[in-house]
C-alpha atoms as a PDB file:
ATOM      1  CA  MET A   1      23.154 -29.562  18.131  1.00  0.00           C
ATOM      2  CA  TYR A   2      22.385 -30.813  14.623  1.00  0.00           C
ATOM      3  CA  PHE A   3      20.770 -27.808  12.897  1.00  0.00           C
ATOM      4  CA  SER A   4      21.160 -24.093  13.472  1.00  0.00           C
ATOM      5  CA  VAL A   5      18.519 -22.124  11.574  1.00  0.00           C
ATOM      6  CA  VAL A   6      19.835 -18.620  10.911  1.00  0.00           C
ATOM      7  CA  VAL A   7      17.291 -15.906  10.114  1.00  0.00           C
ATOM      8  CA  PRO A   8      18.432 -12.366   9.240  1.00  0.00           C
ATOM      9  CA  THR A   9      15.729  -9.743   9.690  1.00  0.00           C
ATOM     10  CA  TYR A  10      15.344  -6.021   9.085  1.00  0.00           C
ATOM     11  CA  LYS A  11      12.144  -4.208  10.111  1.00  0.00           C
ATOM     12  CA  ASP A  12      10.079  -7.331   9.400  1.00  0.00           C
ATOM     13  CA  ARG A  13       8.707  -8.345  12.811  1.00  0.00           C
ATOM     14  CA  GLU A  14       5.210  -9.357  11.692  1.00  0.00           C
ATOM     15  CA  ARG A  15       6.395 -11.826   9.056  1.00  0.00           C
ATOM     16  CA  LEU A  16       9.206 -13.031  11.304  1.00  0.00           C
ATOM     17  CA  LEU A  17       6.639 -14.100  13.897  1.00  0.00           C
ATOM     18  CA  LEU A  18       4.808 -16.122  11.226  1.00  0.00           C
ATOM     19  CA  LEU A  19       8.080 -17.839  10.303  1.00  0.00           C
ATOM     20  CA  LEU A  20       8.836 -18.706  13.930  1.00  0.00           C
ATOM     21  CA  GLU A  21       5.324 -20.133  14.265  1.00  0.00           C
ATOM     22  CA  ALA A  22       5.918 -22.291  11.179  1.00  0.00           C
ATOM     23  CA  LEU A  23       9.276 -23.459  12.534  1.00  0.00           C
ATOM     24  CA  GLY A  24       7.507 -24.509  15.714  1.00  0.00           C
ATOM     25  CA  GLU A  25       5.413 -26.914  13.611  1.00  0.00           C
ATOM     26  CA  GLN A  26       8.406 -28.790  12.174  1.00  0.00           C
ATOM     27  CA  ASN A  27       7.809 -32.541  12.430  1.00  0.00           C
ATOM     28  CA  ILE A  28      11.414 -33.530  13.051  1.00  0.00           C
ATOM     29  CA  ASN A  29      11.793 -35.618  16.202  1.00  0.00           C
ATOM     30  CA  GLU A  30      14.733 -36.412  18.485  1.00  0.00           C
ATOM     31  CA  VAL A  31      17.101 -34.197  16.483  1.00  0.00           C
ATOM     32  CA  PRO A  32      18.345 -31.163  18.417  1.00  0.00           C
ATOM     33  CA  TRP A  33      18.149 -27.832  16.611  1.00  0.00           C
ATOM     34  CA  GLU A  34      18.121 -24.134  17.380  1.00  0.00           C
ATOM     35  CA  VAL A  35      17.052 -20.863  15.782  1.00  0.00           C
ATOM     36  CA  ILE A  36      19.236 -17.757  15.667  1.00  0.00           C
ATOM     37  CA  VAL A  37      17.502 -14.537  14.654  1.00  0.00           C
ATOM     38  CA  VAL A  38      19.901 -11.770  13.664  1.00  0.00           C
ATOM     39  CA  ASN A  39      18.465  -8.251  13.913  1.00  0.00           C
ATOM     40  CA  ASN A  40      20.069  -6.072  11.227  1.00  0.00           C
ATOM     41  CA  ASP A  41      18.346  -2.863  12.355  1.00  0.00           C
ATOM     42  CA  PRO A  42      20.817  -0.816  14.439  1.00  0.00           C
ATOM     43  CA  GLN A  43      18.124   1.692  15.390  1.00  0.00           C
ATOM     44  CA  GLU A  44      15.653  -0.651  17.062  1.00  0.00           C
ATOM     45  CA  ASP A  45      16.067  -3.643  19.353  1.00  0.00           C
ATOM     46  CA  LEU A  46      14.161  -6.804  18.513  1.00  0.00           C
ATOM     47  CA  ILE A  47      12.376  -8.392  21.462  1.00  0.00           C
ATOM     48  CA  LEU A  48      10.632 -11.726  20.901  1.00  0.00           C
ATOM     49  CA  GLU A  49       8.325 -12.867  23.656  1.00  0.00           C
ATOM     50  CA  GLY A  50       6.604 -16.204  23.991  1.00  0.00           C
ATOM     51  CA  ASN A  51       7.531 -19.821  24.452  1.00  0.00           C
ATOM     52  CA  TYR A  52       8.942 -21.767  21.536  1.00  0.00           C
ATOM     53  CA  SER A  53       9.565 -25.485  21.224  1.00  0.00           C
ATOM     54  CA  PHE A  54      13.164 -24.824  20.128  1.00  0.00           C
ATOM     55  CA  PRO A  55      16.038 -22.828  21.634  1.00  0.00           C
ATOM     56  CA  LEU A  56      15.800 -19.275  20.305  1.00  0.00           C
ATOM     57  CA  THR A  57      18.579 -16.681  20.341  1.00  0.00           C
ATOM     58  CA  VAL A  58      18.286 -13.079  19.184  1.00  0.00           C
ATOM     59  CA  GLN A  59      21.462 -11.183  18.392  1.00  0.00           C
ATOM     60  CA  ASN A  60      22.330  -7.906  16.675  1.00  0.00           C
ATOM     61  CA  GLU A  61      24.503  -7.150  13.670  1.00  0.00           C
ATOM     62  CA  ASN A  62      24.902  -3.441  12.975  1.00  0.00           C
ATOM     63  CA  LYS A  63      26.773  -3.763   9.683  1.00  0.00           C
ATOM     64  CA  PRO A  64      24.121  -3.222   6.983  1.00  0.00           C
ATOM     65  CA  GLY A  65      23.225  -6.181   4.811  1.00  0.00           C
ATOM     66  CA  SER A  66      21.673  -9.624   5.198  1.00  0.00           C
ATOM     67  CA  TYR A  67      24.983 -11.354   4.395  1.00  0.00           C
ATOM     68  CA  ALA A  68      26.720  -9.647   7.288  1.00  0.00           C
ATOM     69  CA  ALA A  69      23.798 -10.768   9.469  1.00  0.00           C
ATOM     70  CA  ARG A  70      23.990 -14.351   8.216  1.00  0.00           C
ATOM     71  CA  ASN A  71      27.714 -14.478   8.898  1.00  0.00           C
ATOM     72  CA  ALA A  72      27.166 -13.212  12.433  1.00  0.00           C
ATOM     73  CA  GLY A  73      24.501 -15.855  13.004  1.00  0.00           C
ATOM     74  CA  PHE A  74      26.351 -18.896  11.755  1.00  0.00           C
ATOM     75  CA  LYS A  75      29.560 -17.907  13.570  1.00  0.00           C
ATOM     76  CA  THR A  76      27.806 -18.089  16.963  1.00  0.00           C
ATOM     77  CA  SER A  77      25.787 -21.196  16.059  1.00  0.00           C
ATOM     78  CA  LYS A  78      26.140 -24.590  17.741  1.00  0.00           C
ATOM     79  CA  GLY A  79      24.842 -26.813  14.938  1.00  0.00           C
ATOM     80  CA  LYS A  80      26.946 -28.884  12.598  1.00  0.00           C
ATOM     81  CA  VAL A  81      24.557 -27.984   9.745  1.00  0.00           C
ATOM     82  CA  ILE A  82      23.487 -24.390   9.141  1.00  0.00           C
ATOM     83  CA  ALA A  83      20.098 -23.645   7.591  1.00  0.00           C
ATOM     84  CA  PHE A  84      19.444 -20.233   6.080  1.00  0.00           C
ATOM     85  CA  ILE A  85      15.918 -18.944   5.514  1.00  0.00           C
ATOM     86  CA  ASP A  86      14.507 -15.433   5.047  1.00  0.00           C
ATOM     87  CA  SER A  87      12.254 -13.855   7.655  1.00  0.00           C
ATOM     88  CA  ASP A  88       9.352 -13.487   5.209  1.00  0.00           C
ATOM     89  CA  CYS A  89       9.334 -17.171   4.196  1.00  0.00           C
ATOM     90  CA  ILE A  90       7.317 -20.184   5.367  1.00  0.00           C
ATOM     91  CA  PRO A  91       8.879 -23.693   5.249  1.00  0.00           C
ATOM     92  CA  ASN A  92       6.962 -26.920   4.817  1.00  0.00           C
ATOM     93  CA  VAL A  93       6.483 -28.842   8.060  1.00  0.00           C
ATOM     94  CA  ASP A  94       9.002 -31.482   6.923  1.00  0.00           C
ATOM     95  CA  TRP A  95      11.665 -28.948   5.857  1.00  0.00           C
ATOM     96  CA  LEU A  96      14.206 -29.905   8.519  1.00  0.00           C
ATOM     97  CA  ASP A  97      13.310 -33.600   8.340  1.00  0.00           C
ATOM     98  CA  VAL A  98      13.980 -33.764   4.588  1.00  0.00           C
ATOM     99  CA  ALA A  99      17.300 -31.984   5.078  1.00  0.00           C
ATOM    100  CA  TYR A 100      18.228 -34.304   7.961  1.00  0.00           C
ATOM    101  CA  HIS A 101      17.827 -37.442   5.830  1.00  0.00           C
ATOM    102  CA  CYS A 102      19.864 -35.864   3.028  1.00  0.00           C
ATOM    103  CA  PHE A 103      22.796 -35.105   5.305  1.00  0.00           C
ATOM    104  CA  GLU A 104      22.561 -38.449   7.105  1.00  0.00           C
ATOM    105  CA  SER A 105      22.964 -40.225   3.765  1.00  0.00           C
ATOM    106  CA  ASP A 106      25.898 -38.003   2.733  1.00  0.00           C
ATOM    107  CA  PHE A 107      28.506 -40.527   3.830  1.00  0.00           C
ATOM    108  CA  LYS A 108      31.330 -38.979   1.810  1.00  0.00           C
ATOM    109  CA  LYS A 109      30.505 -35.424   2.997  1.00  0.00           C
ATOM    110  CA  GLU A 110      30.093 -34.226  -0.597  1.00  0.00           C
ATOM    111  CA  ILE A 111      27.271 -31.727  -0.009  1.00  0.00           C
ATOM    112  CA  GLY A 112      28.402 -28.126  -0.263  1.00  0.00           C
ATOM    113  CA  VAL A 113      24.907 -26.639  -0.373  1.00  0.00           C
ATOM    114  CA  LEU A 114      21.561 -28.390  -0.109  1.00  0.00           C
ATOM    115  CA  THR A 115      18.723 -26.370  -1.635  1.00  0.00           C
ATOM    116  CA  GLY A 116      15.184 -26.957  -2.827  1.00  0.00           C
ATOM    117  CA  HIS A 117      11.936 -25.677  -4.270  1.00  0.00           C
ATOM    118  CA  VAL A 118      10.867 -22.081  -3.491  1.00  0.00           C
ATOM    119  CA  PRO A 119       7.287 -21.571  -4.749  1.00  0.00           C
ATOM    120  CA  LEU A 120       5.631 -18.171  -4.460  1.00  0.00           C
ATOM    121  CA  PHE A 121       2.430 -17.433  -2.577  1.00  0.00           C
ATOM    122  CA  PHE A 122       0.051 -14.491  -3.032  1.00  0.00           C
ATOM    123  CA  LYS A 123      -2.064 -12.363  -0.684  1.00  0.00           C
ATOM    124  CA  ASP A 124      -5.231 -12.974  -2.723  1.00  0.00           C
ATOM    125  CA  PRO A 125      -4.715 -15.480  -5.573  1.00  0.00           C
ATOM    126  CA  SER A 126      -8.059 -14.459  -7.117  1.00  0.00           C
ATOM    127  CA  ASN A 127      -7.062 -10.802  -7.408  1.00  0.00           C
ATOM    128  CA  LEU A 128      -3.372 -10.383  -8.221  1.00  0.00           C
ATOM    129  CA  THR A 129      -1.688  -6.994  -8.293  1.00  0.00           C
ATOM    130  CA  ASP A 130       0.475  -5.932 -11.240  1.00  0.00           C
ATOM    131  CA  ALA A 131       3.594  -6.868  -9.281  1.00  0.00           C
ATOM    132  CA  GLU A 132       2.197 -10.290  -8.366  1.00  0.00           C
ATOM    133  CA  ILE A 133       1.293 -10.983 -12.006  1.00  0.00           C
ATOM    134  CA  TYR A 134       4.880 -10.207 -13.000  1.00  0.00           C
ATOM    135  CA  GLU A 135       6.224 -12.440 -10.207  1.00  0.00           C
ATOM    136  CA  LYS A 136       3.830 -15.205 -11.277  1.00  0.00           C
ATOM    137  CA  TYR A 137       5.810 -15.529 -14.507  1.00  0.00           C
ATOM    138  CA  THR A 138       9.277 -14.807 -13.114  1.00  0.00           C
ATOM    139  CA  GLY A 139       9.393 -16.854  -9.909  1.00  0.00           C
ATOM    140  CA  TYR A 140      12.439 -18.617  -8.524  1.00  0.00           C
ATOM    141  CA  THR A 141      13.941 -21.283 -10.802  1.00  0.00           C
ATOM    142  CA  THR A 142      15.978 -22.867  -8.033  1.00  0.00           C
ATOM    143  CA  GLU A 143      16.470 -26.227  -9.757  1.00  0.00           C
ATOM    144  CA  ALA A 144      18.021 -24.642 -12.857  1.00  0.00           C
ATOM    145  CA  TYR A 145      20.038 -22.356 -10.598  1.00  0.00           C
ATOM    146  CA  ALA A 146      21.363 -25.364  -8.664  1.00  0.00           C
ATOM    147  CA  ASN A 147      22.313 -27.083 -11.923  1.00  0.00           C
ATOM    148  CA  GLU A 148      24.447 -24.016 -12.681  1.00  0.00           C
ATOM    149  CA  GLY A 149      26.198 -24.368  -9.306  1.00  0.00           C
ATOM    150  CA  HIS A 150      24.272 -21.783  -7.295  1.00  0.00           C
ATOM    151  CA  ALA A 151      21.677 -21.488  -4.529  1.00  0.00           C
ATOM    152  CA  ILE A 152      19.591 -18.794  -2.853  1.00  0.00           C
ATOM    153  CA  THR A 153      19.584 -18.127   0.881  1.00  0.00           C
ATOM    154  CA  ALA A 154      15.798 -18.447   1.182  1.00  0.00           C
ATOM    155  CA  ASN A 155      16.354 -22.224   1.215  1.00  0.00           C
ATOM    156  CA  TRP A 156      19.978 -23.173   1.926  1.00  0.00           C
ATOM    157  CA  PHE A 157      21.696 -25.811   4.094  1.00  0.00           C
ATOM    158  CA  SER A 158      25.454 -26.258   4.500  1.00  0.00           C
ATOM    159  CA  TYR A 159      27.822 -27.940   6.900  1.00  0.00           C
ATOM    160  CA  LYS A 160      29.194 -25.297   9.222  1.00  0.00           C
ATOM    161  CA  ILE A 161      32.744 -26.415   8.445  1.00  0.00           C
ATOM    162  CA  VAL A 162      32.122 -25.771   4.726  1.00  0.00           C
ATOM    163  CA  LEU A 163      30.949 -22.226   5.429  1.00  0.00           C
ATOM    164  CA  GLU A 164      33.995 -21.676   7.626  1.00  0.00           C
ATOM    165  CA  GLU A 165      36.282 -23.097   4.947  1.00  0.00           C
ATOM    166  CA  PHE A 166      35.074 -20.522   2.424  1.00  0.00           C
ATOM    167  CA  GLY A 167      34.920 -17.641   4.887  1.00  0.00           C
ATOM    168  CA  GLY A 168      31.141 -17.256   4.776  1.00  0.00           C
ATOM    169  CA  PHE A 169      29.420 -14.616   2.695  1.00  0.00           C
ATOM    170  CA  ASN A 170      31.052 -11.460   1.408  1.00  0.00           C
ATOM    171  CA  ASN A 171      30.096  -8.906   4.065  1.00  0.00           C
ATOM    172  CA  GLU A 172      30.486  -6.021   1.626  1.00  0.00           C
ATOM    173  CA  LEU A 173      27.675  -7.238  -0.650  1.00  0.00           C
ATOM    174  CA  LYS A 174      24.038  -6.290  -0.068  1.00  0.00           C
ATOM    175  CA  SER A 175      22.888  -8.554  -2.907  1.00  0.00           C
ATOM    176  CA  ASN A 176      24.353 -11.418  -4.960  1.00  0.00           C
ATOM    177  CA  GLY A 177      26.192 -12.763  -1.910  1.00  0.00           C
ATOM    178  CA  ASP A 178      24.456 -16.119  -2.257  1.00  0.00           C
ATOM    179  CA  SER A 179      25.517 -16.375  -5.923  1.00  0.00           C
ATOM    180  CA  ASP A 180      29.074 -15.511  -4.954  1.00  0.00           C
ATOM    181  CA  LEU A 181      29.434 -18.007  -2.096  1.00  0.00           C
ATOM    182  CA  SER A 182      27.525 -20.899  -3.677  1.00  0.00           C
ATOM    183  CA  GLY A 183      29.549 -20.437  -6.860  1.00  0.00           C
ATOM    184  CA  ARG A 184      32.800 -20.737  -4.926  1.00  0.00           C
ATOM    185  CA  ILE A 185      31.554 -23.729  -2.940  1.00  0.00           C
ATOM    186  CA  SER A 186      30.458 -25.508  -6.127  1.00  0.00           C
ATOM    187  CA  GLN A 187      34.068 -25.561  -7.328  1.00  0.00           C
ATOM    188  CA  LYS A 188      34.838 -28.155  -4.638  1.00  0.00           C
ATOM    189  CA  TYR A 189      31.553 -29.604  -3.363  1.00  0.00           C
ATOM    190  CA  LYS A 190      28.147 -30.521  -4.754  1.00  0.00           C
ATOM    191  CA  ILE A 191      25.157 -28.197  -4.950  1.00  0.00           C
ATOM    192  CA  VAL A 192      22.322 -30.652  -4.269  1.00  0.00           C
ATOM    193  CA  TYR A 193      18.711 -29.874  -5.186  1.00  0.00           C
ATOM    194  CA  LYS A 194      15.725 -31.673  -3.608  1.00  0.00           C
ATOM    195  CA  ASN A 195      12.282 -30.854  -4.942  1.00  0.00           C
ATOM    196  CA  ASN A 196      10.620 -31.905  -1.674  1.00  0.00           C
ATOM    197  CA  LEU A 197      12.735 -29.472   0.355  1.00  0.00           C
ATOM    198  CA  VAL A 198      10.212 -26.644   0.196  1.00  0.00           C
ATOM    199  CA  VAL A 199      10.180 -23.043   1.424  1.00  0.00           C
ATOM    200  CA  HIS A 200       7.346 -20.740   0.372  1.00  0.00           C
ATOM    201  CA  HIS A 201       8.260 -17.150  -0.524  1.00  0.00           C
ATOM    202  CA  PRO A 202       5.787 -14.246  -0.769  1.00  0.00           C
ATOM    203  CA  ALA A 203       5.426 -12.574  -4.152  1.00  0.00           C
ATOM    204  CA  ARG A 204       6.142  -8.857  -4.133  1.00  0.00           C
ATOM    205  CA  TYR A 205       2.825  -7.044  -3.736  1.00  0.00           C
ATOM    206  CA  LYS A 206       3.807  -3.577  -4.960  1.00  0.00           C
ATOM    207  CA  VAL A 207       5.654  -2.536  -8.102  1.00  0.00           C
ATOM    208  CA  SER A 208       7.930  -0.372  -5.951  1.00  0.00           C
ATOM    209  CA  GLU A 209       9.040  -3.516  -4.113  1.00  0.00           C
ATOM    210  CA  LEU A 210      10.007  -5.125  -7.406  1.00  0.00           C
ATOM    211  CA  VAL A 211      11.903  -2.015  -8.512  1.00  0.00           C
ATOM    212  CA  SER A 212      13.808  -2.030  -5.203  1.00  0.00           C
ATOM    213  CA  LYS A 213      14.580  -5.733  -5.654  1.00  0.00           C
ATOM    214  CA  TYR A 214      16.107  -5.206  -9.095  1.00  0.00           C
ATOM    215  CA  GLN A 215      18.026  -2.135  -7.964  1.00  0.00           C
ATOM    216  CA  ARG A 216      19.444  -4.153  -5.074  1.00  0.00           C
ATOM    217  CA  LEU A 217      20.369  -7.025  -7.399  1.00  0.00           C
ATOM    218  CA  LEU A 218      22.006  -4.589  -9.788  1.00  0.00           C
ATOM    219  CA  GLY A 219      24.073  -3.134  -6.961  1.00  0.00           C
ATOM    220  CA  GLY A 220      25.256  -6.580  -5.938  1.00  0.00           C
ATOM    221  CA  THR A 221      26.189  -7.466  -9.515  1.00  0.00           C
ATOM    222  CA  TYR A 222      28.047  -4.181  -9.919  1.00  0.00           C
ATOM    223  CA  ALA A 223      30.003  -4.615  -6.677  1.00  0.00           C
ATOM    224  CA  ARG A 224      30.854  -8.225  -7.485  1.00  0.00           C
ATOM    225  CA  LEU A 225      31.654  -8.035 -11.196  1.00  0.00           C
ATOM    226  CA  PHE A 226      31.750  -4.560 -12.713  1.00  0.00           C
ATOM    227  CA  LYS A 227      33.180  -2.040 -10.267  1.00  0.00           C
ATOM    228  CA  GLU A 228      36.422  -1.912 -12.257  1.00  0.00           C
ATOM    229  CA  ASN A 229      34.784  -2.589 -15.619  1.00  0.00           C
ATOM    230  CA  PRO A 230      32.443   0.300 -16.598  1.00  0.00           C
ATOM    231  CA  LYS A 231      32.201  -0.799 -20.228  1.00  0.00           C
ATOM    232  CA  GLY A 232      31.173  -4.300 -19.182  1.00  0.00           C
ATOM    233  CA  PHE A 233      28.603  -2.824 -16.790  1.00  0.00           C
ATOM    234  CA  LYS A 234      27.122  -0.703 -19.590  1.00  0.00           C
ATOM    235  CA  ASN A 235      26.795  -3.804 -21.769  1.00  0.00           C
ATOM    236  CA  TYR A 236      25.190  -5.676 -18.865  1.00  0.00           C
ATOM    237  CA  ILE A 237      22.560  -2.931 -18.509  1.00  0.00           C
ATOM    238  CA  PHE A 238      21.815  -3.010 -22.233  1.00  0.00           C
ATOM    239  CA  ILE A 239      21.298  -6.788 -22.129  1.00  0.00           C
ATOM    240  CA  PHE A 240      19.108  -6.500 -19.015  1.00  0.00           C
ATOM    241  CA  LEU A 241      16.839  -3.897 -20.640  1.00  0.00           C
ATOM    242  CA  PHE A 242      16.648  -5.929 -23.854  1.00  0.00           C
ATOM    243  CA  ARG A 243      15.565  -9.012 -21.900  1.00  0.00           C
ATOM    244  CA  ARG A 244      12.808  -7.047 -20.151  1.00  0.00           C
ATOM    245  CA  PHE A 245      11.543  -5.880 -23.548  1.00  0.00           C
ATOM    246  CA  ARG A 246      11.767  -9.401 -24.992  1.00  0.00           C
ATOM    247  CA  PHE A 247       9.942 -10.837 -21.967  1.00  0.00           C
ATOM    248  CA  PHE A 248       7.101  -8.330 -22.393  1.00  0.00           C
ATOM    249  CA  LEU A 249       6.771  -9.069 -26.127  1.00  0.00           C
ATOM    250  CA  LYS A 250       6.615 -12.809 -25.479  1.00  0.00           C
ATOM    251  CA  LYS A 251       3.900 -12.423 -22.829  1.00  0.00           C
ATOM    252  CA  PHE A 252       1.982  -9.913 -24.967  1.00  0.00           C
ATOM    253  CA  PHE A 253       1.099 -12.743 -27.357  1.00  0.00           C
ATOM    254  CA  THR A 254       0.703 -15.570 -24.843  1.00  0.00           C
ATOM    255  CA  VAL A 255      -1.261 -14.262 -21.823  1.00  0.00           C
ATOM    256  CA  TYR A 256      -4.569 -12.470 -21.256  1.00  0.00           C
ATOM    257  CA  PRO A 257      -4.633  -8.739 -22.142  1.00  0.00           C
ATOM    258  CA  LYS A 258      -5.053  -7.731 -18.484  1.00  0.00           C
ATOM    259  CA  GLU A 259      -1.903  -9.638 -17.556  1.00  0.00           C
ATOM    260  CA  SER A 260       0.104  -8.433 -20.560  1.00  0.00           C
ATOM    261  CA  LEU A 261      -0.768  -4.830 -19.681  1.00  0.00           C
ATOM    262  CA  ALA A 262       0.336  -5.410 -16.077  1.00  0.00           C
ATOM    263  CA  ILE A 263       3.606  -6.952 -17.268  1.00  0.00           C
ATOM    264  CA  ALA A 264       4.195  -3.990 -19.592  1.00  0.00           C
ATOM    265  CA  LYS A 265       3.722  -1.535 -16.723  1.00  0.00           C
ATOM    266  CA  VAL A 266       6.047  -3.457 -14.433  1.00  0.00           C
ATOM    267  CA  CYS A 267       8.741  -3.906 -17.101  1.00  0.00           C
ATOM    268  CA  PHE A 268       8.676  -0.161 -17.750  1.00  0.00           C
ATOM    269  CA  GLU A 269       9.007   0.712 -14.046  1.00  0.00           C
ATOM    270  CA  ILE A 270      11.774  -1.857 -13.493  1.00  0.00           C
ATOM    271  CA  SER A 271      13.694  -0.594 -16.524  1.00  0.00           C
ATOM    272  CA  LYS A 272      13.368   3.001 -15.347  1.00  0.00           C
ATOM    273  CA  GLY A 273      14.488   2.072 -11.825  1.00  0.00           C
ATOM    274  CA  VAL A 274      17.457   0.061 -13.109  1.00  0.00           C
ATOM    275  CA  LEU A 275      18.593   2.949 -15.316  1.00  0.00           C
ATOM    276  CA  ASN A 276      18.385   5.331 -12.354  1.00  0.00           C
ATOM    277  CA  GLU A 277      20.419   2.924 -10.247  1.00  0.00           C
ATOM    278  CA  TYR A 278      22.949   2.489 -13.051  1.00  0.00           C
ATOM    279  CA  PHE A 279      23.666   6.229 -13.084  1.00  0.00           C
ATOM    280  CA  ASN A 280      23.755   6.277  -9.275  1.00  0.00           C
ATOM    281  CA  LEU A 281      26.373   3.519  -9.189  1.00  0.00           C
ATOM    282  CA  ILE A 282      28.660   4.839 -11.940  1.00  0.00           C
ATOM    283  CA  GLN A 283      28.684   8.200 -10.140  1.00  0.00           C
ATOM    284  CA  GLY A 284      29.918   6.533  -6.960  1.00  0.00           C
ATOM    285  CA  GLY A 285      26.610   6.133  -5.119  1.00  0.00           C
ATOM    286  CA  GLU A 286      25.966   3.520  -2.444  1.00  0.00           C
ATOM    287  CA  THR A 287      24.399   0.175  -3.304  1.00  0.00           C
ATOM    288  CA  LYS A 288      20.899  -0.370  -1.910  1.00  0.00           C
ATOM    289  CA  ARG A 289      19.988  -2.901   0.764  1.00  0.00           C
END
């Protein structure tokens, strides 16, 4: 087995089926690969019916968090290269083929993480919601992220032995686990970015989804960096809120009024949600998934 594609999922059956359909259209030939779907919902079994052109395994991981699910998936995998993708994403048809040629030319085994472009797509590009307008200007900057020694799990390939060497993801994190692991891997191996390695990610449609995203990210940052440093965490929050305000001011003068108003609304809701989560965390509350 060459590739094992690991897909964590939580109450996302409809979009998962679209991903599996897209994986079935991969144009890679004569290279064996499998898909492992890890159900992270302990309250409901995931049953996938239908015939797929690739071996498909569904397994459960009851510990909350996508990183716990990813660890469970790669540990039971058969492939020498593990591919991580999110259940709401759609890869290009040559996704696996591009990755295959990258690894086949890695004669010195220097790749720690192979990552690529993650463009956003919208439900109706002609009629964006406030959240989609915000995402339009704040999408994934995966190339810059890779240059800093990091990658995101929406589009991530690694040798299985590299993941095993570093112990996989931190199971205790519900966010920021990709930053943590890729950062550690980059101390020894290369983080390689390929612009033609493409996975499409949906923009958040509702403002509440964006607020949840930033609260989840804040929880991961807190657990990883600030749990024992409350003063540092307070400073981090101040900088975060300042950047939201600065972002709004910049867009106020450079985009259409309708878009600047939408950005203002979203920045306000995100800032309010982050402040609420800040007080939840410093009072000992649980991080969000």
